Amino acid sequence: MNLTVLNIKIYFTAYGPPGTLNYGLFFLTFLLFFITIIANLILMLIICLESSLHKPMYIFLFNLAVNGLVGCFSVCPMIMDNLLKDIKDISHEACILQVFFSSFYGACAYFILAVMAYDRYVSICKPLQYHSIMTPSKVKMLLALIYFIPITSLSFQIYITASLPVCRYNINKLFCDNLAVVKLSCVESALSNVYGIFIITSQVVLPFVLIVLSYVKILLVCLKTSKESRKKALNTCTPHLIIFINFSAAILFSVVYNRYSTVTRGVNVLISILSILLPPLLHPIVYGIRTKEISTCITKIMRTHVFPNSFDFPHLKPEPKIIFLVRKAAEAEISARPDCIHF
């Protein structure tokens, strides 16, 4: 790393001074942040505890929840801290680290969504071969690629960005991103620009195209099947499709906003927070509502561990089998007596 960037402070100019507006935005951010963490932890816990969910689709969903938490923790705590501080600053090293984790969150999410789309494609288009294709070893290999490719490619990007000399110290944003940090440099970096295009193409555009192609093939197969089969396929794909559209819209809106939009401070904070928190917040909600297996497991855990006696109605419970058999035998013996009156 260039020695000239050591011990440098970067200042955020998009927050404004502490006040009523900042305190309200802090409370809203904290509430959304807390709900997002709890919802994703619950989803992860359910997938871990329920053996019926130990399938490729839910393993990928578990990793999507983990990645959502990475994205939240990479940005939200610092935003909440700056909303309350008088001086909104960050060290250059911490800013570079935040660029890495926020970029990793976006790239890794697209890779996970692409792998989930591939899993749905195999499940619907090649159902008889599903278990021979989506083997445990292949699932592990896909998970390794999901993390290996973003880590290695982004590490080189971060090295390029961190090596640039710094002569500006203000960022008119709420947190650090790669483009904002590159603009702090005194020189133009052709390598940084070219490699940035490569990162966007390989880790955003390519997964996006793969997901779209997967759903085109799924749609073509569904058109040739019965109405019942189409409905089942639609129910299977809907949660993933909602998450994919939501995440893509959040990323696109964030990119356009960061480059072209000028809005008030409150709207600035709100848009930045929602672009980071909304996708991981919707993951457990959408899958919990739209996926029958997960909703069934949630109900089962609630009845078994959280409210074990809330749904107990003794007069409606069936008798234990042994007691039932003993009672029936006694009734048969009584009815067989000659002095017994039968109705």
Foldseek 3Di string as FASTA:
>chain_A
DDPQQPPAKFFADLQDAADPLLVVLLVVLVVLLVLLLVLLVVLLVLCVVDPVNPDLLSVLLNVLLVLLNLLCVLASVLLSVQSHDRTNMDRPVSQLVSQLSNLLSLLLNLLSLLVSLVLLLCCQVPVVCNCVVPDPVVSVVSVCCSNPVSVVLSVVLSVVLVNARFDARYAHASGHHSVRSSVRGPDDDPVNVVSVVVCCCPRPVVSVVSSVVSVVSSVVSLVPDDPVSVVVSCLVCVLSVVLVVVLVVLVVVVVCCSPPNDDHSSVRSVSVSCSSSVSSSVSSVSCCPSPPVNVVSVVVCCCVPVVVPPPDDPVPDDDPPVVVVVVVVVVVVQVPDPVDDDD
